[in-house]
């Protein structure tokens, strides 16, 4: 018999809540940690369609990267889809646990998965914690130099998006040392540049920040926040490593990217 708390304990050994950025509400989101569980689903986001998938698959534990309640509910009007989603989770006894910026900083976590996917080697944290092995983002190098344009196309294909946003004065510039920070990493672009990166891969870049990046002759490639969905399968693999056949584990197959490229 496996309880939700048993899984939570393993998650927190891997991505301790102490690694989370200040104010980030990681941890148990909904449910009873003493509940027995048998079917686990991993996901980047907890959205109504993801919850319906979990219900259809008789899931009793969702491990998510993003928290369920980014914007707190002001009422429990169940005609509102977001509120109904909370009610559905409770009704179907689905425990929800979120590892957000702590998973980003964890050794072998989100940003290491992104660095591996992007072909980076000799990787180390970009924004290092005191222990020198954990921290936000990663910086490393590619095995071979590549132009900005060619690498942008490669990133587009890796993350299966129609297009990526590129901020660069010269698309034919050769790069080799690169940094990555999953999610909204625009505020750290100067650290990436100061660390010697030729290019920085992150998401949610703001217009005026883009102008500052161009003025500094730096390169940023933005493949969309949803690039973090690569974690779905990696998180599922972690649970399988911890519990073997005692839990049925799978990654969501629901696309939660809010953007449509036309």
Protein backbone atom coordinates (compact mmCIF):
# COMPACT_ATOMS: atom_id res chain seq x y z
CA UNK A 1 0.00 0.00 0.00
CA UNK A 2 1.35 3.41 -1.03
CA UNK A 3 0.03 6.68 0.36
CA UNK A 4 0.16 10.12 -1.17
CA UNK A 5 2.58 11.07 1.60
CA UNK A 6 4.97 8.30 0.54
CA UNK A 7 5.16 9.86 -2.92
CA UNK A 8 5.36 13.38 -1.51
CA UNK A 9 8.33 12.33 0.63
CA UNK A 10 10.20 11.08 -2.45
CA UNK A 11 9.37 14.22 -4.42
CA UNK A 12 10.61 16.43 -1.60
CA UNK A 13 13.85 14.49 -1.26
CA UNK A 14 14.42 15.12 -4.96
CA UNK A 15 13.16 18.73 -5.07
CA UNK A 16 13.12 20.09 -1.49
CA UNK A 17 10.63 22.88 -0.84
CA UNK A 18 13.51 24.89 0.62
CA UNK A 19 14.77 25.38 -2.96
CA UNK A 20 11.59 27.23 -3.98
CA UNK A 21 11.75 30.95 -4.64
CA UNK A 22 10.27 33.16 -1.92
CA UNK A 23 6.49 33.34 -2.14
CA UNK A 24 6.15 30.36 -4.48
CA UNK A 25 3.31 28.20 -3.04
CA UNK A 26 4.78 24.79 -3.81
CA UNK A 27 3.71 21.56 -2.12
CA UNK A 28 0.37 19.94 -1.46
CA UNK A 29 -2.33 21.79 -3.38
CA UNK A 30 -5.48 19.71 -2.89
CA UNK A 31 -6.28 16.44 -1.15
CA UNK A 32 -5.46 14.23 1.81
CA UNK A 33 -1.80 13.13 2.04
CA UNK A 34 -2.75 10.03 4.05
CA UNK A 35 -4.89 8.75 1.17
CA UNK A 36 -3.85 5.49 -0.50
CA UNK A 37 -2.85 5.97 -4.14
CA UNK A 38 -2.31 3.63 -7.08
CA UNK A 39 -2.43 5.71 -10.29
CA UNK A 40 -0.24 8.79 -10.80
CA UNK A 41 -0.23 11.32 -13.63
CA UNK A 42 2.44 13.95 -14.22
CA UNK A 43 1.75 17.27 -15.93
CA UNK A 44 3.12 20.74 -16.53
CA UNK A 45 -0.24 22.38 -15.76
CA UNK A 46 -3.44 21.44 -13.95
CA UNK A 47 -6.20 22.62 -16.25
CA UNK A 48 -9.82 21.43 -16.59
CA UNK A 49 -9.00 19.23 -19.56
CA UNK A 50 -6.07 17.68 -17.65
CA UNK A 51 -8.32 16.97 -14.69
CA UNK A 52 -10.87 15.33 -16.99
CA UNK A 53 -8.09 13.15 -18.40
CA UNK A 54 -7.15 12.19 -14.84
CA UNK A 55 -10.75 11.33 -14.00
CA UNK A 56 -11.10 9.24 -17.16
CA UNK A 57 -7.91 7.37 -16.27
CA UNK A 58 -8.95 6.89 -12.61
CA UNK A 59 -5.91 8.81 -11.40
CA UNK A 60 -5.67 9.50 -7.67
CA UNK A 61 -2.47 11.62 -7.60
CA UNK A 62 -1.35 14.40 -9.94
CA UNK A 63 2.23 15.63 -9.74
CA UNK A 64 2.34 19.01 -11.46
CA UNK A 65 5.09 21.49 -12.18
CA UNK A 66 2.89 24.57 -12.02
CA UNK A 67 0.65 25.26 -9.06
CA UNK A 68 -3.10 24.79 -9.37
CA UNK A 69 -4.03 28.22 -8.01
CA UNK A 70 -1.90 30.91 -9.58
CA UNK A 71 -4.84 33.27 -9.05
CA UNK A 72 -6.79 32.50 -5.83
CA UNK A 73 -10.50 31.79 -6.14
CA UNK A 74 -12.71 34.62 -4.87
CA UNK A 75 -15.77 32.38 -4.60
CA UNK A 76 -16.83 28.77 -5.18
CA UNK A 77 -19.30 29.43 -7.99
CA UNK A 78 -19.15 26.10 -9.82
CA UNK A 79 -20.41 27.62 -13.05
CA UNK A 80 -16.88 29.03 -13.37
CA UNK A 81 -14.74 26.32 -15.08
CA UNK A 82 -11.72 26.88 -12.85
CA UNK A 83 -13.81 26.48 -9.69
CA UNK A 84 -15.54 23.40 -11.09
CA UNK A 85 -12.10 21.94 -11.68
CA UNK A 86 -11.29 22.26 -7.97
CA UNK A 87 -14.61 20.62 -7.09
CA UNK A 88 -13.97 17.77 -9.56
CA UNK A 89 -10.57 17.08 -8.00
CA UNK A 90 -12.09 16.89 -4.53
CA UNK A 91 -15.09 14.86 -5.70
CA UNK A 92 -12.85 12.26 -7.32
CA UNK A 93 -10.36 12.13 -4.43
CA UNK A 94 -7.43 13.28 -6.56
CA UNK A 95 -4.46 14.56 -4.61
CA UNK A 96 -2.54 17.36 -6.36
CA UNK A 97 1.06 18.22 -5.52
CA UNK A 98 3.15 20.92 -7.23
CA UNK A 99 6.92 21.28 -7.54
CA UNK A 100 7.61 24.60 -9.24
CA UNK A 101 10.75 26.69 -8.68
CA UNK A 102 12.13 24.01 -6.38
CA UNK A 103 12.02 21.58 -9.33
CA UNK A 104 13.63 24.29 -11.47
CA UNK A 105 16.55 24.57 -9.02
CA UNK A 106 16.90 20.89 -8.10
CA UNK A 107 19.97 18.98 -9.22
CA UNK A 108 18.80 16.72 -12.03
CA UNK A 109 15.52 18.64 -12.27
CA UNK A 110 13.76 20.86 -14.79
CA UNK A 111 16.68 22.95 -15.98
CA UNK A 112 18.99 19.95 -16.24
CA UNK A 113 16.30 18.24 -18.35
CA UNK A 114 16.11 21.31 -20.58
CA UNK A 115 19.90 21.52 -20.89
CA UNK A 116 20.06 17.85 -21.88
CA UNK A 117 17.28 18.31 -24.43
CA UNK A 118 19.10 21.31 -25.90
CA UNK A 119 22.32 19.34 -26.36
CA UNK A 120 24.30 21.17 -23.68
CA UNK A 121 27.35 19.63 -22.00
CA UNK A 122 29.61 20.69 -19.11
CA UNK A 123 26.50 22.11 -17.46
CA UNK A 124 26.36 24.04 -14.19
CA UNK A 125 23.76 26.26 -12.49
CA UNK A 126 23.32 29.73 -13.95
CA UNK A 127 22.05 31.36 -10.76
CA UNK A 128 23.87 29.30 -8.13
CA UNK A 129 22.63 28.57 -4.64
CA UNK A 130 25.02 28.44 -1.70
CA UNK A 131 25.54 24.70 -2.15
CA UNK A 132 26.96 25.37 -5.66
CA UNK A 133 25.10 22.39 -7.14
CA UNK A 134 21.52 23.68 -7.21
CA UNK A 135 20.07 26.90 -8.59
CA UNK A 136 17.94 28.41 -11.31
CA UNK A 137 18.91 27.93 -14.94
CA UNK A 138 21.87 26.15 -16.44
CA UNK A 139 24.87 27.24 -18.49
CA UNK A 140 27.03 25.00 -20.63
CA UNK A 141 28.26 24.55 -24.16
CA UNK A 142 27.21 22.83 -27.35
CA UNK A 143 29.46 20.15 -28.81
CA UNK A 144 29.84 22.17 -32.02
CA UNK A 145 29.50 25.87 -32.87
CA UNK A 146 26.26 26.74 -34.66
CA UNK A 147 24.67 29.89 -36.04
CA UNK A 148 21.86 31.62 -34.17
CA UNK A 149 19.48 30.91 -37.05
CA UNK A 150 20.33 27.20 -37.21
CA UNK A 151 20.08 26.76 -33.45
CA UNK A 152 16.76 28.61 -33.35
CA UNK A 153 15.40 26.24 -36.00
CA UNK A 154 16.69 23.28 -34.02
CA UNK A 155 15.00 24.55 -30.85
CA UNK A 156 11.76 25.10 -32.78
CA UNK A 157 11.81 21.47 -33.89
CA UNK A 158 12.81 20.11 -30.47
CA UNK A 159 9.87 21.76 -28.74
CA UNK A 160 7.51 21.18 -31.67
CA UNK A 161 6.31 24.75 -32.01
CA UNK A 162 5.49 26.55 -35.24
CA UNK A 163 7.99 29.32 -34.54
CA UNK A 164 10.35 30.68 -31.90
CA UNK A 165 11.03 34.32 -31.11
CA UNK A 166 14.64 35.35 -31.66
CA UNK A 167 16.22 38.52 -30.33
CA UNK A 168 19.53 39.01 -32.13
CA UNK A 169 21.31 41.62 -34.23
CA UNK A 170 22.89 38.96 -36.44
CA UNK A 171 21.17 35.64 -37.11
CA UNK A 172 24.37 34.30 -38.72
CA UNK A 173 26.43 34.88 -35.58
CA UNK A 174 28.15 31.70 -34.37
CA UNK A 175 27.36 30.57 -30.83
CA UNK A 176 28.55 27.69 -28.67
CA UNK A 177 28.27 28.61 -24.97
CA UNK A 178 24.56 28.80 -24.09
CA UNK A 179 22.37 29.28 -21.04
CA UNK A 180 18.81 28.13 -20.42
CA UNK A 181 16.22 28.94 -17.81
CA UNK A 182 12.81 27.30 -18.04
CA UNK A 183 9.69 29.44 -17.91
CA UNK A 184 9.68 33.20 -17.44
CA UNK A 185 13.42 33.94 -17.25
CA UNK A 186 13.68 37.38 -18.78
CA UNK A 187 14.92 39.03 -15.60
CA UNK A 188 18.10 36.91 -15.63
CA UNK A 189 19.33 37.67 -19.16
CA UNK A 190 22.07 40.00 -17.89
CA UNK A 191 23.38 37.22 -15.63
CA UNK A 192 23.47 34.88 -18.61
CA UNK A 193 25.41 37.44 -20.65
CA UNK A 194 27.79 38.25 -17.77
CA UNK A 195 28.42 34.52 -17.31
CA UNK A 196 29.83 34.36 -20.83
CA UNK A 197 26.90 32.79 -22.65
CA UNK A 198 26.69 33.51 -26.38
CA UNK A 199 22.93 32.94 -26.27
CA UNK A 200 20.19 32.48 -23.69
CA UNK A 201 17.10 30.28 -24.07
CA UNK A 202 14.11 31.30 -21.97
CA UNK A 203 10.47 32.35 -22.37
CA UNK A 204 8.02 35.21 -21.90
CA UNK A 205 10.41 37.98 -22.98
CA UNK A 206 8.89 41.44 -22.76
CA UNK A 207 9.02 43.92 -25.64
CA UNK A 208 11.15 46.59 -23.92
CA UNK A 209 13.47 43.96 -22.46
CA UNK A 210 13.99 42.77 -26.03
CA UNK A 211 15.21 46.22 -27.00
CA UNK A 212 17.66 46.21 -24.08
CA UNK A 213 18.96 42.83 -25.20
CA UNK A 214 19.54 44.09 -28.75
CA UNK A 215 21.29 47.20 -27.44
CA UNK A 216 23.62 44.94 -25.46
CA UNK A 217 24.30 42.84 -28.58
CA UNK A 218 23.15 39.67 -26.84
CA UNK A 219 21.09 36.77 -28.20
CA UNK A 220 17.91 35.37 -26.67
CA UNK A 221 15.75 32.61 -28.13
CA UNK A 222 12.22 32.27 -26.76
CA UNK A 223 10.54 28.93 -27.62
CA UNK A 224 7.42 29.51 -25.43
CA UNK A 225 6.90 28.79 -21.73
CA UNK A 226 5.38 25.45 -22.72
CA UNK A 227 8.89 24.15 -23.48
CA UNK A 228 8.78 22.94 -19.88
CA UNK A 229 6.30 20.23 -20.93
CA UNK A 230 9.33 18.04 -21.59
CA UNK A 231 9.21 17.48 -17.82
CA UNK A 232 6.00 15.45 -18.07
CA UNK A 233 7.77 12.27 -19.15
CA UNK A 234 10.83 12.95 -16.99
CA UNK A 235 8.70 13.34 -13.85
CA UNK A 236 6.85 10.12 -14.68
CA UNK A 237 10.19 8.32 -15.07
CA UNK A 238 11.23 9.55 -11.63
CA UNK A 239 8.12 8.10 -10.00
CA UNK A 240 8.71 4.77 -11.75
CA UNK A 241 12.29 4.76 -10.44
CA UNK A 242 11.09 5.36 -6.90
CA UNK A 243 8.14 2.93 -6.82
CA UNK A 244 8.62 0.48 -9.67
CA UNK A 245 5.51 -1.56 -10.44
CA UNK A 246 3.72 -0.64 -7.21
CA UNK A 247 2.25 2.47 -8.87
CA UNK A 248 0.77 2.91 -12.33
CA UNK A 249 2.43 6.08 -13.66
CA UNK A 250 2.01 8.01 -16.90
CA UNK A 251 2.45 11.53 -18.26
CA UNK A 252 -0.50 13.58 -19.45
CA UNK A 253 -1.13 13.62 -23.17
CA UNK A 254 -3.12 16.86 -22.98
CA UNK A 255 -1.52 19.90 -24.61
CA UNK A 256 -1.82 22.78 -22.13
CA UNK A 257 -0.09 25.44 -24.22
CA UNK A 258 -2.48 28.44 -24.23
CA UNK A 259 -1.03 29.80 -27.47
CA UNK A 260 -2.08 28.90 -31.00
CA UNK A 261 0.31 29.90 -33.80
CA UNK A 262 -1.41 30.89 -37.03
